[in-house]
C-alpha atoms as a PDB file:
ATOM      1  CA  MET A   1     -14.604  -2.775  12.873  1.00  0.00           C
ATOM      2  CA  VAL A   2     -11.736  -3.105  10.946  1.00  0.00           C
ATOM      3  CA  LEU A   3     -11.742   0.510   8.898  1.00  0.00           C
ATOM      4  CA  ASP A   4     -11.273   1.145  12.785  1.00  0.00           C
ATOM      5  CA  GLU A   5      -8.737  -1.463  13.348  1.00  0.00           C
ATOM      6  CA  PHE A   6      -4.233  -0.727  13.525  1.00  0.00           C
ATOM      7  CA  TYR A   7      -1.238  -1.926  12.830  1.00  0.00           C
ATOM      8  CA  LYS A   8       1.992  -0.897  14.958  1.00  0.00           C
ATOM      9  CA  LEU A   9       4.750  -0.161  12.408  1.00  0.00           C
ATOM     10  CA  ASN A  10       8.426  -0.787  13.942  1.00  0.00           C
ATOM     11  CA  ASN A  11       8.717   2.677  14.908  1.00  0.00           C
ATOM     12  CA  GLY A  12       5.337   2.847  16.735  1.00  0.00           C
ATOM     13  CA  GLN A  13       3.748   4.651  14.201  1.00  0.00           C
ATOM     14  CA  ARG A  14      -0.345   2.772  13.959  1.00  0.00           C
ATOM     15  CA  ILE A  15      -1.134   2.445  10.697  1.00  0.00           C
ATOM     16  CA  PRO A  16      -5.168   1.708   9.714  1.00  0.00           C
ATOM     17  CA  LYS A  17      -5.337  -2.065   8.498  1.00  0.00           C
ATOM     18  CA  ILE A  18      -7.099  -1.134   5.392  1.00  0.00           C
ATOM     19  CA  ALA A  19      -6.167   1.769   2.288  1.00  0.00           C
ATOM     20  CA  LEU A  20      -8.131   2.822  -0.250  1.00  0.00           C
ATOM     21  CA  GLY A  21      -5.757   1.983  -3.493  1.00  0.00           C
ATOM     22  CA  THR A  22      -5.496   5.383  -6.003  1.00  0.00           C
ATOM     23  CA  TRP A  23      -3.156   3.178  -9.237  1.00  0.00           C
ATOM     24  CA  GLN A  24      -5.049   4.402 -11.891  1.00  0.00           C
ATOM     25  CA  THR A  25      -7.317   6.682 -10.690  1.00  0.00           C
ATOM     26  CA  PRO A  26      -6.726   9.912 -12.767  1.00  0.00           C
ATOM     27  CA  ASN A  27      -6.015  13.288 -10.777  1.00  0.00           C
ATOM     28  CA  ASP A  28      -9.822  14.560 -11.744  1.00  0.00           C
ATOM     29  CA  VAL A  29     -11.488  11.421 -10.113  1.00  0.00           C
ATOM     30  CA  ALA A  30      -9.190  10.719  -7.313  1.00  0.00           C
ATOM     31  CA  GLU A  31     -10.471  14.042  -5.412  1.00  0.00           C
ATOM     32  CA  THR A  32     -13.932  12.528  -5.161  1.00  0.00           C
ATOM     33  CA  ALA A  33     -13.260   8.886  -4.641  1.00  0.00           C
ATOM     34  CA  VAL A  34     -10.636  10.601  -2.127  1.00  0.00           C
ATOM     35  CA  ALA A  35     -13.393  12.060  -0.119  1.00  0.00           C
ATOM     36  CA  ALA A  36     -16.233   9.410  -0.399  1.00  0.00           C
ATOM     37  CA  ALA A  37     -13.825   6.917   0.817  1.00  0.00           C
ATOM     38  CA  ILE A  38     -12.751   9.140   4.177  1.00  0.00           C
ATOM     39  CA  GLU A  39     -16.470   9.862   4.654  1.00  0.00           C
ATOM     40  CA  ALA A  40     -16.957   5.919   4.362  1.00  0.00           C
ATOM     41  CA  GLY A  41     -14.810   6.159   7.176  1.00  0.00           C
ATOM     42  CA  TYR A  42     -11.178   5.390   5.404  1.00  0.00           C
ATOM     43  CA  ARG A  43      -8.372   6.509   7.223  1.00  0.00           C
ATOM     44  CA  HIS A  44      -5.492   5.443   4.766  1.00  0.00           C
ATOM     45  CA  ILE A  45      -4.888   7.050   0.896  1.00  0.00           C
ATOM     46  CA  ASP A  46      -2.514   5.437  -0.581  1.00  0.00           C
ATOM     47  CA  THR A  47      -1.237   7.217  -4.223  1.00  0.00           C
ATOM     48  CA  ALA A  48       2.568   7.809  -5.798  1.00  0.00           C
ATOM     49  CA  ILE A  49       3.927  10.265  -7.673  1.00  0.00           C
ATOM     50  CA  ALA A  50       4.044   7.529 -10.824  1.00  0.00           C
ATOM     51  CA  TYR A  51      -0.287   7.693 -10.475  1.00  0.00           C
ATOM     52  CA  GLU A  52       0.350  11.306 -11.777  1.00  0.00           C
ATOM     53  CA  ASN A  53      -2.841  11.851  -8.981  1.00  0.00           C
ATOM     54  CA  GLU A  54      -0.910  13.468  -5.565  1.00  0.00           C
ATOM     55  CA  SER A  55      -2.569  16.786  -6.423  1.00  0.00           C
ATOM     56  CA  GLY A  56      -6.395  15.225  -6.360  1.00  0.00           C
ATOM     57  CA  VAL A  57      -5.334  13.268  -3.650  1.00  0.00           C
ATOM     58  CA  GLY A  58      -4.595  16.208  -1.502  1.00  0.00           C
ATOM     59  CA  ALA A  59      -7.410  17.970  -2.799  1.00  0.00           C
ATOM     60  CA  GLY A  60     -10.233  14.951  -1.792  1.00  0.00           C
ATOM     61  CA  ILE A  61      -8.293  14.930   2.136  1.00  0.00           C
ATOM     62  CA  LYS A  62      -8.938  18.587   2.447  1.00  0.00           C
ATOM     63  CA  ALA A  63     -12.514  18.470   1.203  1.00  0.00           C
ATOM     64  CA  ALA A  64     -13.487  15.221   3.466  1.00  0.00           C
ATOM     65  CA  LEU A  65     -11.432  17.161   6.309  1.00  0.00           C
ATOM     66  CA  LYS A  66     -14.154  20.223   6.100  1.00  0.00           C
ATOM     67  CA  LYS A  67     -17.011  18.426   4.977  1.00  0.00           C
ATOM     68  CA  THR A  68     -16.487  16.100   7.813  1.00  0.00           C
ATOM     69  CA  GLY A  69     -14.923  18.090  11.225  1.00  0.00           C
ATOM     70  CA  ILE A  70     -11.932  15.017  10.644  1.00  0.00           C
ATOM     71  CA  HIS A  71      -8.783  16.435  11.815  1.00  0.00           C
ATOM     72  CA  ARG A  72      -5.419  15.826   9.449  1.00  0.00           C
ATOM     73  CA  GLU A  73      -3.846  13.133  11.839  1.00  0.00           C
ATOM     74  CA  SER A  74      -6.308  10.760  11.905  1.00  0.00           C
ATOM     75  CA  ILE A  75      -5.434  10.430   8.187  1.00  0.00           C
ATOM     76  CA  PHE A  76      -2.631   8.326   6.914  1.00  0.00           C
ATOM     77  CA  ILE A  77      -0.973   9.160   3.530  1.00  0.00           C
ATOM     78  CA  THR A  78       1.052   7.170   1.915  1.00  0.00           C
ATOM     79  CA  SER A  79       3.300   7.943  -1.069  1.00  0.00           C
ATOM     80  CA  LYS A  80       6.191   6.717  -3.119  1.00  0.00           C
ATOM     81  CA  ILE A  81       9.190   7.755  -5.055  1.00  0.00           C
ATOM     82  CA  PRO A  82       9.019   6.690  -9.113  1.00  0.00           C
ATOM     83  CA  ALA A  83      11.176   3.312  -9.910  1.00  0.00           C
ATOM     84  CA  GLU A  84      12.875   5.733 -12.307  1.00  0.00           C
ATOM     85  CA  VAL A  85      14.382   7.688  -9.607  1.00  0.00           C
ATOM     86  CA  LYS A  86      17.648   6.289  -8.124  1.00  0.00           C
ATOM     87  CA  ASN A  87      19.534   8.696  -7.267  1.00  0.00           C
ATOM     88  CA  TYR A  88      20.347  10.507  -3.496  1.00  0.00           C
ATOM     89  CA  THR A  89      19.335  14.709  -5.426  1.00  0.00           C
ATOM     90  CA  ASP A  90      16.266  13.004  -7.382  1.00  0.00           C
ATOM     91  CA  ALA A  91      14.705  11.308  -3.857  1.00  0.00           C
ATOM     92  CA  VAL A  92      14.792  14.419  -2.168  1.00  0.00           C
ATOM     93  CA  ARG A  93      13.072  16.646  -4.569  1.00  0.00           C
ATOM     94  CA  CYS A  94      11.001  13.830  -5.343  1.00  0.00           C
ATOM     95  CA  ILE A  95       9.651  14.275  -1.658  1.00  0.00           C
ATOM     96  CA  GLN A  96       9.462  17.750  -0.955  1.00  0.00           C
ATOM     97  CA  GLU A  97       7.392  18.019  -4.904  1.00  0.00           C
ATOM     98  CA  SER A  98       5.265  15.027  -3.343  1.00  0.00           C
ATOM     99  CA  MET A  99       4.376  17.507   0.040  1.00  0.00           C
ATOM    100  CA  ASP A 100       3.668  20.538  -2.268  1.00  0.00           C
ATOM    101  CA  ARG A 101       1.139  18.485  -4.565  1.00  0.00           C
ATOM    102  CA  LEU A 102      -0.208  16.866  -1.868  1.00  0.00           C
ATOM    103  CA  ASP A 103      -0.318  20.086   0.345  1.00  0.00           C
ATOM    104  CA  ALA A 104       0.554  19.224   2.932  1.00  0.00           C
ATOM    105  CA  PHE A 105       3.604  19.727   6.336  1.00  0.00           C
ATOM    106  CA  HIS A 106       3.904  16.242   6.235  1.00  0.00           C
ATOM    107  CA  ILE A 107       3.240  12.797   4.293  1.00  0.00           C
ATOM    108  CA  ASP A 108       2.649  10.049   7.122  1.00  0.00           C
ATOM    109  CA  MET A 109       4.692   7.315   4.669  1.00  0.00           C
ATOM    110  CA  MET A 110       6.611   7.448   1.781  1.00  0.00           C
ATOM    111  CA  LEU A 111       8.407   3.742  -0.356  1.00  0.00           C
ATOM    112  CA  ILE A 112      10.491   3.560  -2.978  1.00  0.00           C
ATOM    113  CA  HIS A 113       8.118   2.107  -5.367  1.00  0.00           C
ATOM    114  CA  ALA A 114      10.747  -0.495  -7.217  1.00  0.00           C
ATOM    115  CA  PRO A 115      13.797  -1.708  -6.563  1.00  0.00           C
ATOM    116  CA  ARG A 116      14.770  -1.449 -10.457  1.00  0.00           C
ATOM    117  CA  PRO A 117      13.005   1.312 -13.481  1.00  0.00           C
ATOM    118  CA  TRP A 118       9.963  -0.366 -13.884  1.00  0.00           C
ATOM    119  CA  ALA A 119      11.096  -1.440 -17.864  1.00  0.00           C
ATOM    120  CA  GLU A 120      13.939  -3.953 -16.651  1.00  0.00           C
ATOM    121  CA  MET A 121      11.309  -4.973 -12.990  1.00  0.00           C
ATOM    122  CA  GLY A 122      11.552  -9.503 -13.872  1.00  0.00           C
ATOM    123  CA  SER A 123      14.677  -8.978 -15.204  1.00  0.00           C
ATOM    124  CA  THR A 124      16.990 -12.340 -14.141  1.00  0.00           C
ATOM    125  CA  SER A 125      20.152 -10.102 -14.989  1.00  0.00           C
ATOM    126  CA  GLY A 126      21.246  -6.684 -15.358  1.00  0.00           C
ATOM    127  CA  ASN A 127      21.870  -3.921 -12.968  1.00  0.00           C
ATOM    128  CA  ARG A 128      20.703  -4.671  -9.390  1.00  0.00           C
ATOM    129  CA  TYR A 129      20.720  -1.159  -8.132  1.00  0.00           C
ATOM    130  CA  PHE A 130      21.608  -2.113  -4.782  1.00  0.00           C
ATOM    131  CA  LYS A 131      24.018   1.279  -4.738  1.00  0.00           C
ATOM    132  CA  GLU A 132      21.530   3.160  -5.890  1.00  0.00           C
ATOM    133  CA  ASN A 133      18.699   2.054  -3.613  1.00  0.00           C
ATOM    134  CA  ILE A 134      20.891   2.670  -0.989  1.00  0.00           C
ATOM    135  CA  GLU A 135      21.472   6.548  -2.027  1.00  0.00           C
ATOM    136  CA  VAL A 136      17.564   6.651  -2.581  1.00  0.00           C
ATOM    137  CA  TRP A 137      17.237   5.359   1.252  1.00  0.00           C
ATOM    138  CA  LYS A 138      19.609   7.759   2.557  1.00  0.00           C
ATOM    139  CA  ALA A 139      16.950  10.079   0.926  1.00  0.00           C
ATOM    140  CA  LEU A 140      14.381   8.629   3.054  1.00  0.00           C
ATOM    141  CA  GLU A 141      16.249   8.017   6.404  1.00  0.00           C
ATOM    142  CA  GLU A 142      16.801  12.222   6.649  1.00  0.00           C
ATOM    143  CA  ALA A 143      12.966  13.246   5.532  1.00  0.00           C
ATOM    144  CA  TYR A 144      12.502  10.856   8.572  1.00  0.00           C
ATOM    145  CA  GLU A 145      14.489  12.306  10.918  1.00  0.00           C
ATOM    146  CA  ALA A 146      13.798  15.898   9.605  1.00  0.00           C
ATOM    147  CA  GLY A 147      10.055  15.285  10.462  1.00  0.00           C
ATOM    148  CA  LYS A 148       8.455  15.134   6.728  1.00  0.00           C
ATOM    149  CA  ILE A 149       8.230  11.566   6.517  1.00  0.00           C
ATOM    150  CA  ARG A 150       5.867   9.982   9.298  1.00  0.00           C
ATOM    151  CA  ALA A 151       7.244   6.213   8.640  1.00  0.00           C
ATOM    152  CA  ILE A 152       9.685   5.421   5.926  1.00  0.00           C
ATOM    153  CA  GLY A 153       9.691   2.001   3.689  1.00  0.00           C
ATOM    154  CA  VAL A 154       9.810   0.104  -0.112  1.00  0.00           C
ATOM    155  CA  SER A 155       7.739  -1.645  -2.570  1.00  0.00           C
ATOM    156  CA  ASN A 156       8.238  -4.329  -4.904  1.00  0.00           C
ATOM    157  CA  PHE A 157      11.085  -5.560  -2.802  1.00  0.00           C
ATOM    158  CA  GLU A 158      12.828  -9.499  -3.259  1.00  0.00           C
ATOM    159  CA  ILE A 159      14.657 -10.718  -0.100  1.00  0.00           C
ATOM    160  CA  ASP A 160      18.181  -9.466  -1.768  1.00  0.00           C
ATOM    161  CA  ASP A 161      16.542  -6.101  -2.068  1.00  0.00           C
ATOM    162  CA  LEU A 162      15.706  -6.175   1.534  1.00  0.00           C
ATOM    163  CA  ASN A 163      18.781  -7.419   2.384  1.00  0.00           C
ATOM    164  CA  ASN A 164      20.412  -5.026   1.257  1.00  0.00           C
ATOM    165  CA  ILE A 165      18.661  -1.827   2.879  1.00  0.00           C
ATOM    166  CA  LEU A 166      18.858  -4.284   6.366  1.00  0.00           C
ATOM    167  CA  ALA A 167      23.075  -4.438   5.829  1.00  0.00           C
ATOM    168  CA  GLU A 168      23.454  -0.890   4.715  1.00  0.00           C
ATOM    169  CA  GLY A 169      20.978   1.557   5.633  1.00  0.00           C
ATOM    170  CA  ARG A 170      20.599   2.848   9.593  1.00  0.00           C
ATOM    171  CA  ILE A 171      16.328   2.441   9.558  1.00  0.00           C
ATOM    172  CA  ILE A 172      14.708  -0.486   9.174  1.00  0.00           C
ATOM    173  CA  PRO A 173      11.835  -0.630   5.892  1.00  0.00           C
ATOM    174  CA  ALA A 174       8.728   0.027   8.249  1.00  0.00           C
ATOM    175  CA  VAL A 175       6.260  -1.606   5.107  1.00  0.00           C
ATOM    176  CA  ASN A 176       7.281  -3.387   2.053  1.00  0.00           C
ATOM    177  CA  GLN A 177       4.149  -3.061  -0.291  1.00  0.00           C
ATOM    178  CA  VAL A 178       4.222  -6.002  -2.917  1.00  0.00           C
ATOM    179  CA  ARG A 179       1.286  -8.113  -5.119  1.00  0.00           C
ATOM    180  CA  VAL A 180      -0.203 -10.200  -2.682  1.00  0.00           C
ATOM    181  CA  HIS A 181      -4.035 -11.934  -3.004  1.00  0.00           C
ATOM    182  CA  ILE A 182      -5.379 -15.141  -3.650  1.00  0.00           C
ATOM    183  CA  GLY A 183      -2.974 -17.298  -5.711  1.00  0.00           C
ATOM    184  CA  HIS A 184      -0.145 -15.508  -5.906  1.00  0.00           C
ATOM    185  CA  VAL A 185       1.060 -15.523  -2.069  1.00  0.00           C
ATOM    186  CA  PRO A 186       4.536 -15.137  -1.786  1.00  0.00           C
ATOM    187  CA  THR A 187       5.451 -16.849   1.634  1.00  0.00           C
ATOM    188  CA  ASP A 188       9.059 -16.585   1.596  1.00  0.00           C
ATOM    189  CA  VAL A 189       8.957 -12.362   1.378  1.00  0.00           C
ATOM    190  CA  ILE A 190       6.225 -12.689   3.683  1.00  0.00           C
ATOM    191  CA  ASP A 191       8.225 -14.443   5.765  1.00  0.00           C
ATOM    192  CA  PHE A 192      11.494 -13.014   5.569  1.00  0.00           C
ATOM    193  CA  CYS A 193       9.668  -9.250   6.227  1.00  0.00           C
ATOM    194  CA  GLU A 194       7.509 -10.437   9.664  1.00  0.00           C
ATOM    195  CA  GLN A 195      10.400 -11.733  10.658  1.00  0.00           C
ATOM    196  CA  ASN A 196      12.274  -8.353  10.714  1.00  0.00           C
ATOM    197  CA  GLY A 197       9.203  -6.876  11.601  1.00  0.00           C
ATOM    198  CA  ILE A 198       8.692  -5.131   7.836  1.00  0.00           C
ATOM    199  CA  LEU A 199       4.594  -5.226   7.512  1.00  0.00           C
ATOM    200  CA  VAL A 200       3.384  -6.176   4.085  1.00  0.00           C
ATOM    201  CA  GLU A 201       1.038  -4.207   2.465  1.00  0.00           C
ATOM    202  CA  ALA A 202      -1.202  -5.860   0.065  1.00  0.00           C
ATOM    203  CA  TYR A 203      -1.856  -3.983  -3.315  1.00  0.00           C
ATOM    204  CA  SER A 204      -4.158  -5.316  -6.358  1.00  0.00           C
ATOM    205  CA  PRO A 205      -5.871  -7.762  -3.393  1.00  0.00           C
ATOM    206  CA  ASN A 206      -7.901  -8.513  -6.405  1.00  0.00           C
ATOM    207  CA  ALA A 207      -5.935  -8.891  -8.786  1.00  0.00           C
ATOM    208  CA  THR A 208      -7.285  -6.357 -10.998  1.00  0.00           C
ATOM    209  CA  GLY A 209     -10.049  -8.259 -10.730  1.00  0.00           C
ATOM    210  CA  ARG A 210      -9.362 -11.799 -12.200  1.00  0.00           C
ATOM    211  CA  LEU A 211     -10.441 -13.519  -9.042  1.00  0.00           C
ATOM    212  CA  MET A 212     -14.058 -12.313 -10.035  1.00  0.00           C
ATOM    213  CA  HIS A 213     -13.537 -15.111 -13.025  1.00  0.00           C
ATOM    214  CA  VAL A 214     -12.686 -17.538 -10.901  1.00  0.00           C
ATOM    215  CA  PRO A 215     -15.183 -20.274 -10.156  1.00  0.00           C
ATOM    216  CA  GLU A 216     -13.553 -21.416  -6.998  1.00  0.00           C
ATOM    217  CA  ILE A 217     -13.396 -17.978  -5.527  1.00  0.00           C
ATOM    218  CA  CYS A 218     -17.429 -16.811  -6.325  1.00  0.00           C
ATOM    219  CA  THR A 219     -18.687 -19.595  -4.786  1.00  0.00           C
ATOM    220  CA  MET A 220     -17.438 -19.208  -1.254  1.00  0.00           C
ATOM    221  CA  ALA A 221     -17.278 -15.286  -2.110  1.00  0.00           C
ATOM    222  CA  ALA A 222     -21.601 -16.556  -1.946  1.00  0.00           C
ATOM    223  CA  LYS A 223     -21.379 -19.325   0.955  1.00  0.00           C
ATOM    224  CA  TYR A 224     -20.595 -15.827   3.110  1.00  0.00           C
ATOM    225  CA  ASP A 225     -22.789 -13.730   1.561  1.00  0.00           C
ATOM    226  CA  VAL A 226     -19.829 -11.210   0.069  1.00  0.00           C
ATOM    227  CA  THR A 227     -17.992  -9.607  -2.936  1.00  0.00           C
ATOM    228  CA  VAL A 228     -15.037 -11.420  -4.382  1.00  0.00           C
ATOM    229  CA  PRO A 229     -13.399  -8.276  -2.831  1.00  0.00           C
ATOM    230  CA  GLN A 230     -14.724  -7.890   0.498  1.00  0.00           C
ATOM    231  CA  LEU A 231     -13.213 -12.003   0.105  1.00  0.00           C
ATOM    232  CA  ALA A 232     -10.241 -11.150  -1.320  1.00  0.00           C
ATOM    233  CA  SER A 233      -9.871  -8.236   1.073  1.00  0.00           C
ATOM    234  CA  ARG A 234     -10.982 -10.621   3.742  1.00  0.00           C
ATOM    235  CA  PHE A 235      -8.165 -13.177   2.923  1.00  0.00           C
ATOM    236  CA  VAL A 236      -5.394 -10.591   3.109  1.00  0.00           C
ATOM    237  CA  LEU A 237      -6.023  -9.604   6.532  1.00  0.00           C
ATOM    238  CA  GLN A 238      -6.082 -12.613   7.294  1.00  0.00           C
ATOM    239  CA  LEU A 239      -3.160 -13.412   6.718  1.00  0.00           C
ATOM    240  CA  GLY A 240      -2.023 -10.603   8.577  1.00  0.00           C
ATOM    241  CA  LEU A 241      -1.101  -8.317   6.152  1.00  0.00           C
ATOM    242  CA  LEU A 242      -2.705  -5.108   5.018  1.00  0.00           C
ATOM    243  CA  PRO A 243      -4.964  -4.906   1.671  1.00  0.00           C
ATOM    244  CA  LEU A 244      -5.411  -1.557  -0.587  1.00  0.00           C
ATOM    245  CA  PRO A 245      -8.563  -1.835  -2.380  1.00  0.00           C
ATOM    246  CA  LYS A 246      -9.345  -0.117  -4.786  1.00  0.00           C
ATOM    247  CA  SER A 247     -12.223   1.810  -6.474  1.00  0.00           C
ATOM    248  CA  THR A 248     -13.795   4.491  -7.792  1.00  0.00           C
ATOM    249  CA  HIS A 249     -17.389   4.537  -7.020  1.00  0.00           C
ATOM    250  CA  GLU A 250     -18.470   5.794  -3.763  1.00  0.00           C
ATOM    251  CA  ASN A 251     -20.752   2.282  -3.229  1.00  0.00           C
ATOM    252  CA  ARG A 252     -17.688   0.147  -3.876  1.00  0.00           C
ATOM    253  CA  ILE A 253     -16.012   2.138  -1.555  1.00  0.00           C
ATOM    254  CA  ARG A 254     -18.228   1.769   0.932  1.00  0.00           C
ATOM    255  CA  GLN A 255     -18.904  -1.912   0.596  1.00  0.00           C
ATOM    256  CA  ASN A 256     -14.558  -3.309  -0.176  1.00  0.00           C
ATOM    257  CA  ALA A 257     -14.376  -1.831   3.153  1.00  0.00           C
ATOM    258  CA  GLN A 258     -16.897  -4.353   5.546  1.00  0.00           C
ATOM    259  CA  LEU A 259     -14.889  -6.657   6.397  1.00  0.00           C
ATOM    260  CA  ASP A 260     -16.081  -7.774   9.764  1.00  0.00           C
ATOM    261  CA  PHE A 261     -17.012 -10.832   8.739  1.00  0.00           C
ATOM    262  CA  GLU A 262     -14.507 -14.161   9.349  1.00  0.00           C
ATOM    263  CA  ILE A 263     -13.208 -17.009   6.758  1.00  0.00           C
ATOM    264  CA  ASN A 264     -13.336 -20.304   8.648  1.00  0.00           C
ATOM    265  CA  SER A 265      -9.161 -22.327   8.980  1.00  0.00           C
ATOM    266  CA  SER A 266     -10.444 -24.939   6.030  1.00  0.00           C
ATOM    267  CA  ASP A 267     -11.823 -21.911   3.641  1.00  0.00           C
ATOM    268  CA  MET A 268      -8.594 -20.270   4.611  1.00  0.00           C
ATOM    269  CA  ALA A 269      -6.387 -23.246   3.033  1.00  0.00           C
ATOM    270  CA  THR A 270      -8.621 -23.983   0.374  1.00  0.00           C
ATOM    271  CA  LEU A 271      -7.989 -20.397  -0.962  1.00  0.00           C
ATOM    272  CA  LEU A 272      -4.351 -20.712  -0.275  1.00  0.00           C
ATOM    273  CA  GLU A 273      -3.794 -23.791  -2.319  1.00  0.00           C
ATOM    274  CA  ILE A 274      -5.207 -21.961  -5.146  1.00  0.00           C
ATOM    275  CA  GLY A 275      -2.386 -20.847  -7.550  1.00  0.00           C
ATOM    276  CA  GLY A 276      -1.230 -19.052 -11.463  1.00  0.00           C
ATOM    277  CA  LEU A 277      -3.674 -16.160 -10.827  1.00  0.00           C
END
């Protein structure tokens, strides 16, 4: 089963091949969703300071561990330093506050949420925050070396942003979490990451629901007798990436992880030709 499979990060750590995403999951809902996911077999939970649900995620993990008897070391928790935090001191503070809210002795992975503040993302001009991102990266490196974090990485980084970290940092990012789904496959970034030993995680694998309105994709999902979200996550897995499907409903959480089927090469080629989503 995919839920029992792992990728190996560039520092030797194992990371479960599928994660429950918690973006837009309110704090009071996160506890029940995370608990349901762990009981369903998920072993990887993705959150962020910006989601404002870390305490709910932490409570859900504790509740599930108590109920199932699973050891904390079996669960992989990812969180992220906000895109607006671009200095060493605030990054150090954020790491500790995340650990406190998650009620965790360590965080399995921590990412820089974006290379620029969200208000400036997508701009083709202005500050690229290269120097500032190195300050944040230094805080992550120190937390990693102190054992507070098991792996460190980035999110939404383009090739120039990655090259900055590779040139100025001491540790190569373990992952780059970016938007990847049918109709949007940034092959340049994916190829660059692969060449540098950086695992790509794919957030919004169902394009925040938009794929369910594309007839061609719905027809292919029916061919394999799966849901569109299942087809979408399987597509990501077959690209060698790690999908982060999101739901707060127990039945869908379970369904989203049922990915033990294979899209044939011809259909993969067809899906890769879809663009503009």
